[in-house]
């Protein structure tokens, strides 16, 4: 399947210690396809992060800025190293585009 979106920064997210404070990162999703796509962002630790917007629709060449905020954490910092994010993307069918 051809690439549908690009995600920046490519290096990933960085939440510098100490983690007992609120820390935000911004990612940019860009639709690099010729069709309308939907996206949804998932995390392995949904109670620790606020993701806004968590899902959306991108027209061809459109970008979305997504803020990922780590809530203040009382637990040891080593546990955060295992957290992961996944960006699910799929093209919209003609019927779904008419409803959007």
PDB file of N, CA and C in Angstrom:
ATOM      1  N   UNK A   1       0.847  -1.175   0.000  1.00  0.00           N
ATOM      2  CA  UNK A   1       0.000   0.000   0.000  1.00  0.00           C
ATOM      3  C   UNK A   1       0.896   1.244   0.000  1.00  0.00           C
ATOM      4  N   UNK A   2       0.576   2.234  -0.804  1.00  0.00           N
ATOM      5  CA  UNK A   2       1.397   3.450  -0.838  1.00  0.00           C
ATOM      6  C   UNK A   2       1.272   4.243   0.456  1.00  0.00           C
ATOM      7  N   UNK A   3       2.268   5.062   0.712  1.00  0.00           N
ATOM      8  CA  UNK A   3       2.265   5.897   1.910  1.00  0.00           C
ATOM      9  C   UNK A   3       1.106   6.884   1.839  1.00  0.00           C
ATOM     10  N   UNK A   4       0.372   7.014   2.933  1.00  0.00           N
ATOM     11  CA  UNK A   4      -0.778   7.914   2.978  1.00  0.00           C
ATOM     12  C   UNK A   4      -0.458   9.222   3.688  1.00  0.00           C
ATOM     13  N   UNK A   5       0.350   9.145   4.763  1.00  0.00           N
ATOM     14  CA  UNK A   5       0.686  10.362   5.503  1.00  0.00           C
ATOM     15  C   UNK A   5       2.169  10.376   5.853  1.00  0.00           C
ATOM     16  N   UNK A   6       2.652  11.560   6.161  1.00  0.00           N
ATOM     17  CA  UNK A   6       3.982  11.693   6.755  1.00  0.00           C
ATOM     18  C   UNK A   6       3.776  12.202   8.184  1.00  0.00           C
ATOM     19  N   UNK A   7       4.675  11.795   9.073  1.00  0.00           N
ATOM     20  CA  UNK A   7       4.612  12.199  10.476  1.00  0.00           C
ATOM     21  C   UNK A   7       5.921  12.888  10.818  1.00  0.00           C
ATOM     22  N   UNK A   8       5.817  14.099  11.350  1.00  0.00           N
ATOM     23  CA  UNK A   8       7.004  14.850  11.772  1.00  0.00           C
ATOM     24  C   UNK A   8       6.842  15.241  13.233  1.00  0.00           C
ATOM     25  N   UNK A   9       7.850  15.189  14.054  1.00  0.00           N
ATOM     26  CA  UNK A   9       9.214  14.836  13.719  1.00  0.00           C
ATOM     27  C   UNK A   9       9.380  13.330  13.588  1.00  0.00           C
ATOM     28  N   UNK A  10      10.262  12.922  12.712  1.00  0.00           N
ATOM     29  CA  UNK A  10      10.506  11.495  12.478  1.00  0.00           C
ATOM     30  C   UNK A  10      11.259  10.839  13.639  1.00  0.00           C
ATOM     31  N   UNK A  11      11.971  11.641  14.409  1.00  0.00           N
ATOM     32  CA  UNK A  11      12.785  11.104  15.509  1.00  0.00           C
ATOM     33  C   UNK A  11      11.952  10.604  16.675  1.00  0.00           C
ATOM     34  N   UNK A  12      10.689  10.964  16.732  1.00  0.00           N
ATOM     35  CA  UNK A  12       9.842  10.546  17.844  1.00  0.00           C
ATOM     36  C   UNK A  12       9.648  11.676  18.840  1.00  0.00           C
ATOM     37  N   UNK A  13       9.041  11.342  19.951  1.00  0.00           N
ATOM     38  CA  UNK A  13       8.710  12.317  20.986  1.00  0.00           C
ATOM     39  C   UNK A  13       9.724  12.235  22.121  1.00  0.00           C
ATOM     40  N   UNK A  14       9.930  13.366  22.797  1.00  0.00           N
ATOM     41  CA  UNK A  14      10.863  13.410  23.917  1.00  0.00           C
ATOM     42  C   UNK A  14      10.194  14.121  25.085  1.00  0.00           C
ATOM     43  N   UNK A  15      10.147  13.449  26.214  1.00  0.00           N
ATOM     44  CA  UNK A  15       9.581  14.013  27.435  1.00  0.00           C
ATOM     45  C   UNK A  15      10.703  14.049  28.477  1.00  0.00           C
ATOM     46  N   UNK A  16      11.408  15.184  28.566  1.00  0.00           N
ATOM     47  CA  UNK A  16      12.574  15.251  29.451  1.00  0.00           C
ATOM     48  C   UNK A  16      12.184  15.235  30.930  1.00  0.00           C
ATOM     49  N   UNK A  17      12.974  14.560  31.750  1.00  0.00           N
ATOM     50  CA  UNK A  17      12.708  14.551  33.184  1.00  0.00           C
ATOM     51  C   UNK A  17      12.946  15.929  33.785  1.00  0.00           C
ATOM     52  N   UNK A  18      12.393  16.202  34.939  1.00  0.00           N
ATOM     53  CA  UNK A  18      11.550  15.333  35.760  1.00  0.00           C
ATOM     54  C   UNK A  18      10.138  15.253  35.184  1.00  0.00           C
ATOM     55  N   UNK A  19       9.486  14.136  35.437  1.00  0.00           N
ATOM     56  CA  UNK A  19       8.164  13.899  34.873  1.00  0.00           C
ATOM     57  C   UNK A  19       7.030  14.249  35.841  1.00  0.00           C
ATOM     58  N   UNK A  20       7.347  14.933  36.914  1.00  0.00           N
ATOM     59  CA  UNK A  20       6.311  15.339  37.873  1.00  0.00           C
ATOM     60  C   UNK A  20       5.707  16.686  37.478  1.00  0.00           C
ATOM     61  N   UNK A  21       5.730  16.992  36.181  1.00  0.00           N
ATOM     62  CA  UNK A  21       5.177  18.224  35.631  1.00  0.00           C
ATOM     63  C   UNK A  21       4.521  17.903  34.295  1.00  0.00           C
ATOM     64  N   UNK A  22       3.741  18.822  33.773  1.00  0.00           N
ATOM     65  CA  UNK A  22       3.098  18.630  32.472  1.00  0.00           C
ATOM     66  C   UNK A  22       4.105  18.950  31.370  1.00  0.00           C
ATOM     67  N   UNK A  23       4.237  18.038  30.383  1.00  0.00           N
ATOM     68  CA  UNK A  23       5.177  18.221  29.272  1.00  0.00           C
ATOM     69  C   UNK A  23       4.418  17.973  27.974  1.00  0.00           C
ATOM     70  N   UNK A  24       4.544  18.904  27.022  1.00  0.00           N
ATOM     71  CA  UNK A  24       3.839  18.763  25.738  1.00  0.00           C
ATOM     72  C   UNK A  24       4.809  18.617  24.571  1.00  0.00           C
ATOM     73  N   UNK A  25       4.372  17.859  23.580  1.00  0.00           N
ATOM     74  CA  UNK A  25       5.065  17.708  22.306  1.00  0.00           C
ATOM     75  C   UNK A  25       4.046  17.955  21.208  1.00  0.00           C
ATOM     76  N   UNK A  26       4.531  18.356  20.049  1.00  0.00           N
ATOM     77  CA  UNK A  26       3.657  18.585  18.901  1.00  0.00           C
ATOM     78  C   UNK A  26       4.152  17.710  17.755  1.00  0.00           C
ATOM     79  N   UNK A  27       3.207  17.023  17.097  1.00  0.00           N
ATOM     80  CA  UNK A  27       3.550  16.302  15.872  1.00  0.00           C
ATOM     81  C   UNK A  27       2.696  16.874  14.745  1.00  0.00           C
ATOM     82  N   UNK A  28       3.193  16.731  13.535  1.00  0.00           N
ATOM     83  CA  UNK A  28       2.469  17.178  12.352  1.00  0.00           C
ATOM     84  C   UNK A  28       2.177  15.971  11.478  1.00  0.00           C
ATOM     85  N   UNK A  29       0.911  15.779  11.148  1.00  0.00           N
ATOM     86  CA  UNK A  29       0.487  14.737  10.226  1.00  0.00           C
ATOM     87  C   UNK A  29       0.147  15.424   8.907  1.00  0.00           C
ATOM     88  N   UNK A  30       0.695  14.934   7.808  1.00  0.00           N
ATOM     89  CA  UNK A  30       0.429  15.521   6.489  1.00  0.00           C
ATOM     90  C   UNK A  30      -0.035  14.427   5.545  1.00  0.00           C
ATOM     91  N   UNK A  31      -1.164  14.667   4.897  1.00  0.00           N
ATOM     92  CA  UNK A  31      -1.695  13.724   3.918  1.00  0.00           C
ATOM     93  C   UNK A  31      -0.871  13.867   2.644  1.00  0.00           C
ATOM     94  N   UNK A  32      -0.102  12.846   2.299  1.00  0.00           N
ATOM     95  CA  UNK A  32       0.739  12.877   1.103  1.00  0.00           C
ATOM     96  C   UNK A  32       0.115  12.078  -0.045  1.00  0.00           C
ATOM     97  N   UNK A  33      -1.117  11.652   0.144  1.00  0.00           N
ATOM     98  CA  UNK A  33      -1.817  10.879  -0.889  1.00  0.00           C
ATOM     99  C   UNK A  33      -2.757  11.786  -1.676  1.00  0.00           C
ATOM    100  N   UNK A  34      -3.360  11.219  -2.702  1.00  0.00           N
ATOM    101  CA  UNK A  34      -4.305  11.971  -3.539  1.00  0.00           C
ATOM    102  C   UNK A  34      -5.748  11.730  -3.109  1.00  0.00           C
ATOM    103  N   UNK A  35      -5.938  11.083  -1.964  1.00  0.00           N
ATOM    104  CA  UNK A  35      -7.281  10.781  -1.496  1.00  0.00           C
ATOM    105  C   UNK A  35      -7.481  11.300  -0.074  1.00  0.00           C
ATOM    106  N   UNK A  36      -8.724  11.394   0.356  1.00  0.00           N
ATOM    107  CA  UNK A  36      -9.048  11.806   1.723  1.00  0.00           C
ATOM    108  C   UNK A  36      -8.736  10.633   2.658  1.00  0.00           C
ATOM    109  N   UNK A  37      -8.086  10.930   3.793  1.00  0.00           N
ATOM    110  CA  UNK A  37      -7.752   9.883   4.753  1.00  0.00           C
ATOM    111  C   UNK A  37      -8.253  10.257   6.139  1.00  0.00           C
ATOM    112  N   UNK A  38      -8.440   9.239   6.973  1.00  0.00           N
ATOM    113  CA  UNK A  38      -8.753   9.458   8.385  1.00  0.00           C
ATOM    114  C   UNK A  38      -7.558   9.010   9.210  1.00  0.00           C
ATOM    115  N   UNK A  39      -7.402   9.603  10.388  1.00  0.00           N
ATOM    116  CA  UNK A  39      -6.338   9.171  11.288  1.00  0.00           C
ATOM    117  C   UNK A  39      -6.895   9.041  12.696  1.00  0.00           C
ATOM    118  N   UNK A  40      -6.240   8.180  13.464  1.00  0.00           N
ATOM    119  CA  UNK A  40      -6.561   7.989  14.877  1.00  0.00           C
ATOM    120  C   UNK A  40      -5.252   7.679  15.586  1.00  0.00           C
ATOM    121  N   UNK A  41      -5.013   8.350  16.694  1.00  0.00           N
ATOM    122  CA  UNK A  41      -3.779   8.149  17.434  1.00  0.00           C
ATOM    123  C   UNK A  41      -4.085   7.377  18.705  1.00  0.00           C
ATOM    124  N   UNK A  42      -3.334   6.290  18.909  1.00  0.00           N
ATOM    125  CA  UNK A  42      -3.503   5.442  20.090  1.00  0.00           C
ATOM    126  C   UNK A  42      -2.215   5.450  20.895  1.00  0.00           C
ATOM    127  N   UNK A  43      -2.335   5.173  22.196  1.00  0.00           N
ATOM    128  CA  UNK A  43      -1.170   5.057  23.068  1.00  0.00           C
ATOM    129  C   UNK A  43      -1.337   3.841  23.978  1.00  0.00           C
ATOM    130  N   UNK A  44      -0.205   3.312  24.409  1.00  0.00           N
ATOM    131  CA  UNK A  44      -0.235   2.185  25.343  1.00  0.00           C
ATOM    132  C   UNK A  44      -0.571   2.639  26.763  1.00  0.00           C
ATOM    133  N   UNK A  45      -0.586   3.959  26.979  1.00  0.00           N
ATOM    134  CA  UNK A  45      -0.865   4.498  28.313  1.00  0.00           C
ATOM    135  C   UNK A  45      -1.841   5.670  28.219  1.00  0.00           C
ATOM    136  N   UNK A  46      -3.114   5.390  27.882  1.00  0.00           N
ATOM    137  CA  UNK A  46      -4.070   6.479  27.651  1.00  0.00           C
ATOM    138  C   UNK A  46      -4.381   7.341  28.874  1.00  0.00           C
ATOM    139  N   UNK A  47      -4.158   6.838  30.077  1.00  0.00           N
ATOM    140  CA  UNK A  47      -4.421   7.663  31.259  1.00  0.00           C
ATOM    141  C   UNK A  47      -3.282   8.640  31.549  1.00  0.00           C
ATOM    142  N   UNK A  48      -2.125   8.433  30.934  1.00  0.00           N
ATOM    143  CA  UNK A  48      -0.967   9.299  31.181  1.00  0.00           C
ATOM    144  C   UNK A  48      -0.842  10.441  30.183  1.00  0.00           C
ATOM    145  N   UNK A  49      -1.507  10.307  29.023  1.00  0.00           N
ATOM    146  CA  UNK A  49      -1.340  11.298  27.960  1.00  0.00           C
ATOM    147  C   UNK A  49      -2.673  11.876  27.512  1.00  0.00           C
ATOM    148  N   UNK A  50      -2.636  13.139  27.119  1.00  0.00           N
ATOM    149  CA  UNK A  50      -3.766  13.794  26.474  1.00  0.00           C
ATOM    150  C   UNK A  50      -3.341  14.024  25.030  1.00  0.00           C
ATOM    151  N   UNK A  51      -4.134  13.527  24.072  1.00  0.00           N
ATOM    152  CA  UNK A  51      -3.827  13.677  22.652  1.00  0.00           C
ATOM    153  C   UNK A  51      -4.965  14.476  22.024  1.00  0.00           C
ATOM    154  N   UNK A  52      -4.630  15.647  21.444  1.00  0.00           N
ATOM    155  CA  UNK A  52      -5.659  16.495  20.830  1.00  0.00           C
ATOM    156  C   UNK A  52      -5.173  17.036  19.503  1.00  0.00           C
ATOM    157  N   UNK A  53      -5.871  16.838  18.428  1.00  0.00           N
ATOM    158  CA  UNK A  53      -7.030  15.957  18.309  1.00  0.00           C
ATOM    159  C   UNK A  53      -6.571  14.496  18.249  1.00  0.00           C
ATOM    160  N   UNK A  54      -7.381  13.613  18.763  1.00  0.00           N
ATOM    161  CA  UNK A  54      -7.063  12.185  18.787  1.00  0.00           C
ATOM    162  C   UNK A  54      -7.371  11.528  17.454  1.00  0.00           C
ATOM    163  N   UNK A  55      -8.318  12.099  16.715  1.00  0.00           N
ATOM    164  CA  UNK A  55      -8.683  11.555  15.406  1.00  0.00           C
ATOM    165  C   UNK A  55      -9.128  12.694  14.510  1.00  0.00           C
ATOM    166  N   UNK A  56      -9.123  12.419  13.189  1.00  0.00           N
ATOM    167  CA  UNK A  56      -9.537  13.461  12.273  1.00  0.00           C
ATOM    168  C   UNK A  56      -9.543  12.988  10.832  1.00  0.00           C
ATOM    169  N   UNK A  57      -9.877  13.911   9.946  1.00  0.00           N
ATOM    170  CA  UNK A  57      -9.938  13.666   8.514  1.00  0.00           C
ATOM    171  C   UNK A  57      -9.000  14.661   7.846  1.00  0.00           C
ATOM    172  N   UNK A  58      -8.183  14.174   6.904  1.00  0.00           N
ATOM    173  CA  UNK A  58      -7.260  15.036   6.171  1.00  0.00           C
ATOM    174  C   UNK A  58      -7.540  14.962   4.677  1.00  0.00           C
ATOM    175  N   UNK A  59      -7.733  16.114   4.070  1.00  0.00           N
ATOM    176  CA  UNK A  59      -7.862  16.207   2.625  1.00  0.00           C
ATOM    177  C   UNK A  59      -6.468  16.043   2.008  1.00  0.00           C
ATOM    178  N   UNK A  60      -6.367  15.767   0.706  1.00  0.00           N
ATOM    179  CA  UNK A  60      -5.047  15.684   0.072  1.00  0.00           C
ATOM    180  C   UNK A  60      -4.220  16.942   0.352  1.00  0.00           C
ATOM    181  N   UNK A  61      -2.970  16.761   0.715  1.00  0.00           N
ATOM    182  CA  UNK A  61      -1.993  17.824   1.031  1.00  0.00           C
ATOM    183  C   UNK A  61      -2.302  18.591   2.311  1.00  0.00           C
ATOM    184  N   UNK A  62      -3.342  18.241   3.036  1.00  0.00           N
ATOM    185  CA  UNK A  62      -3.693  18.941   4.272  1.00  0.00           C
ATOM    186  C   UNK A  62      -2.821  18.441   5.430  1.00  0.00           C
ATOM    187  N   UNK A  63      -2.574  19.326   6.397  1.00  0.00           N
ATOM    188  CA  UNK A  63      -1.809  18.995   7.594  1.00  0.00           C
ATOM    189  C   UNK A  63      -2.673  19.141   8.838  1.00  0.00           C
ATOM    190  N   UNK A  64      -2.330  18.370   9.853  1.00  0.00           N
ATOM    191  CA  UNK A  64      -2.961  18.517  11.168  1.00  0.00           C
ATOM    192  C   UNK A  64      -1.853  18.558  12.205  1.00  0.00           C
ATOM    193  N   UNK A  65      -1.941  19.514  13.103  1.00  0.00           N
ATOM    194  CA  UNK A  65      -1.022  19.600  14.239  1.00  0.00           C
ATOM    195  C   UNK A  65      -1.680  18.880  15.401  1.00  0.00           C
ATOM    196  N   UNK A  66      -0.948  17.957  16.016  1.00  0.00           N
ATOM    197  CA  UNK A  66      -1.475  17.170  17.129  1.00  0.00           C
ATOM    198  C   UNK A  66      -0.591  17.416  18.353  1.00  0.00           C
ATOM    199  N   UNK A  67      -1.222  17.826  19.445  1.00  0.00           N
ATOM    200  CA  UNK A  67      -0.486  18.057  20.695  1.00  0.00           C
ATOM    201  C   UNK A  67      -0.618  16.813  21.564  1.00  0.00           C
ATOM    202  N   UNK A  68       0.531  16.306  22.009  1.00  0.00           N
ATOM    203  CA  UNK A  68       0.567  15.150  22.901  1.00  0.00           C
ATOM    204  C   UNK A  68       1.159  15.638  24.217  1.00  0.00           C
ATOM    205  N   UNK A  69       0.347  15.574  25.270  1.00  0.00           N
ATOM    206  CA  UNK A  69       0.738  16.112  26.572  1.00  0.00           C
ATOM    207  C   UNK A  69       0.827  14.990  27.589  1.00  0.00           C
ATOM    208  N   UNK A  70       1.982  14.914  28.228  1.00  0.00           N
ATOM    209  CA  UNK A  70       2.182  13.967  29.324  1.00  0.00           C
ATOM    210  C   UNK A  70       1.705  14.632  30.600  1.00  0.00           C
ATOM    211  N   UNK A  71       0.762  13.981  31.277  1.00  0.00           N
ATOM    212  CA  UNK A  71       0.294  14.496  32.563  1.00  0.00           C
ATOM    213  C   UNK A  71       1.406  14.307  33.596  1.00  0.00           C
ATOM    214  N   UNK A  72       1.393  15.126  34.644  1.00  0.00           N
ATOM    215  CA  UNK A  72       2.390  14.997  35.714  1.00  0.00           C
ATOM    216  C   UNK A  72       2.329  13.583  36.286  1.00  0.00           C
ATOM    217  N   UNK A  73       3.506  12.963  36.429  1.00  0.00           N
ATOM    218  CA  UNK A  73       3.592  11.563  36.841  1.00  0.00           C
ATOM    219  C   UNK A  73       4.240  11.427  38.217  1.00  0.00           C
ATOM    220  N   UNK A  74       3.556  10.769  39.152  1.00  0.00           N
ATOM    221  CA  UNK A  74       4.152  10.556  40.475  1.00  0.00           C
ATOM    222  C   UNK A  74       5.073   9.335  40.516  1.00  0.00           C
ATOM    223  N   UNK A  75       4.994   8.475  39.499  1.00  0.00           N
ATOM    224  CA  UNK A  75       5.742   7.220  39.519  1.00  0.00           C
ATOM    225  C   UNK A  75       7.151   7.387  38.947  1.00  0.00           C
ATOM    226  N   UNK A  76       8.007   6.375  39.102  1.00  0.00           N
ATOM    227  CA  UNK A  76       9.382   6.458  38.601  1.00  0.00           C
ATOM    228  C   UNK A  76       9.430   6.713  37.087  1.00  0.00           C
ATOM    229  N   UNK A  77      10.441   7.445  36.674  1.00  0.00           N
ATOM    230  CA  UNK A  77      10.576   7.836  35.274  1.00  0.00           C
ATOM    231  C   UNK A  77      10.863   6.674  34.333  1.00  0.00           C
ATOM    232  N   UNK A  78      11.464   5.620  34.812  1.00  0.00           N
ATOM    233  CA  UNK A  78      11.815   4.488  33.958  1.00  0.00           C
ATOM    234  C   UNK A  78      10.580   3.854  33.324  1.00  0.00           C
ATOM    235  N   UNK A  79       9.449   3.915  33.995  1.00  0.00           N
ATOM    236  CA  UNK A  79       8.223   3.311  33.466  1.00  0.00           C
ATOM    237  C   UNK A  79       7.773   4.002  32.184  1.00  0.00           C
ATOM    238  N   UNK A  80       8.039   5.275  32.010  1.00  0.00           N
ATOM    239  CA  UNK A  80       7.594   6.037  30.832  1.00  0.00           C
ATOM    240  C   UNK A  80       8.314   5.590  29.560  1.00  0.00           C
ATOM    241  N   UNK A  81       9.496   5.013  29.679  1.00  0.00           N
ATOM    242  CA  UNK A  81      10.266   4.610  28.505  1.00  0.00           C
ATOM    243  C   UNK A  81       9.549   3.538  27.690  1.00  0.00           C
ATOM    244  N   UNK A  82       8.605   2.846  28.290  1.00  0.00           N
ATOM    245  CA  UNK A  82       7.888   1.771  27.597  1.00  0.00           C
ATOM    246  C   UNK A  82       6.627   2.252  26.874  1.00  0.00           C
ATOM    247  N   UNK A  83       6.236   3.498  27.077  1.00  0.00           N
ATOM    248  CA  UNK A  83       5.026   4.022  26.438  1.00  0.00           C
ATOM    249  C   UNK A  83       5.228   4.129  24.927  1.00  0.00           C
ATOM    250  N   UNK A  84       4.169   3.797  24.176  1.00  0.00           N
ATOM    251  CA  UNK A  84       4.238   3.823  22.713  1.00  0.00           C
ATOM    252  C   UNK A  84       3.016   4.536  22.160  1.00  0.00           C
ATOM    253  N   UNK A  85       3.172   5.072  20.941  1.00  0.00           N
ATOM    254  CA  UNK A  85       2.075   5.701  20.214  1.00  0.00           C
ATOM    255  C   UNK A  85       1.956   5.040  18.859  1.00  0.00           C
ATOM    256  N   UNK A  86       0.729   4.950  18.373  1.00  0.00           N
ATOM    257  CA  UNK A  86       0.458   4.384  17.051  1.00  0.00           C
ATOM    258  C   UNK A  86      -0.480   5.332  16.314  1.00  0.00           C
ATOM    259  N   UNK A  87      -0.140   5.632  15.068  1.00  0.00           N
ATOM    260  CA  UNK A  87      -1.007   6.446  14.223  1.00  0.00           C
ATOM    261  C   UNK A  87      -1.648   5.505  13.206  1.00  0.00           C
ATOM    262  N   UNK A  88      -2.952   5.306  13.338  1.00  0.00           N
ATOM    263  CA  UNK A  88      -3.696   4.488  12.373  1.00  0.00           C
ATOM    264  C   UNK A  88      -4.244   5.417  11.291  1.00  0.00           C
ATOM    265  N   UNK A  89      -4.062   5.016  10.038  1.00  0.00           N
ATOM    266  CA  UNK A  89      -4.521   5.827   8.907  1.00  0.00           C
ATOM    267  C   UNK A  89      -5.188   4.911   7.902  1.00  0.00           C
ATOM    268  N   UNK A  90      -6.284   5.402   7.328  1.00  0.00           N
ATOM    269  CA  UNK A  90      -6.921   4.650   6.246  1.00  0.00           C
ATOM    270  C   UNK A  90      -7.606   5.625   5.297  1.00  0.00           C
ATOM    271  N   UNK A  91      -7.649   5.280   4.021  1.00  0.00           N
ATOM    272  CA  UNK A  91      -8.339   6.132   3.051  1.00  0.00           C
ATOM    273  C   UNK A  91      -9.845   6.010   3.237  1.00  0.00           C
ATOM    274  N   UNK A  92     -10.551   7.091   2.955  1.00  0.00           N
ATOM    275  CA  UNK A  92     -12.017   7.066   2.985  1.00  0.00           C
ATOM    276  C   UNK A  92     -12.536   6.584   1.649  1.00  0.00           C
ATOM    277  N   UNK A  93     -13.560   5.768   1.695  1.00  0.00           N
ATOM    278  CA  UNK A  93     -14.220   5.346   0.451  1.00  0.00           C
ATOM    279  C   UNK A  93     -15.092   6.503  -0.059  1.00  0.00           C
ATOM    280  N   UNK A  94     -15.547   6.401  -1.295  1.00  0.00           N
ATOM    281  CA  UNK A  94     -16.420   7.446  -1.861  1.00  0.00           C
ATOM    282  C   UNK A  94     -17.672   7.641  -1.019  1.00  0.00           C
ATOM    283  N   UNK A  95     -18.271   6.546  -0.562  1.00  0.00           N
ATOM    284  CA  UNK A  95     -19.477   6.639   0.270  1.00  0.00           C
ATOM    285  C   UNK A  95     -19.214   7.323   1.594  1.00  0.00           C
ATOM    286  N   UNK A  96     -18.085   7.016   2.211  1.00  0.00           N
ATOM    287  CA  UNK A  96     -17.730   7.642   3.485  1.00  0.00           C
ATOM    288  C   UNK A  96     -17.420   9.125   3.298  1.00  0.00           C
ATOM    289  N   UNK A  97     -16.818   9.484   2.178  1.00  0.00           N
ATOM    290  CA  UNK A  97     -16.513  10.901   1.895  1.00  0.00           C
ATOM    291  C   UNK A  97     -17.791  11.711   1.771  1.00  0.00           C
ATOM    292  N   UNK A  98     -18.821  11.129   1.182  1.00  0.00           N
ATOM    293  CA  UNK A  98     -20.096  11.840   1.011  1.00  0.00           C
ATOM    294  C   UNK A  98     -20.739  12.127   2.373  1.00  0.00           C
ATOM    295  N   UNK A  99     -20.497  11.250   3.356  1.00  0.00           N
ATOM    296  CA  UNK A  99     -21.081  11.417   4.686  1.00  0.00           C
ATOM    297  C   UNK A  99     -20.263  12.347   5.566  1.00  0.00           C
ATOM    298  N   UNK A 100     -18.980  12.516   5.260  1.00  0.00           N
ATOM    299  CA  UNK A 100     -18.081  13.310   6.122  1.00  0.00           C
ATOM    300  C   UNK A 100     -18.350  14.792   6.040  1.00  0.00           C
TER     301      UNK A 100
END
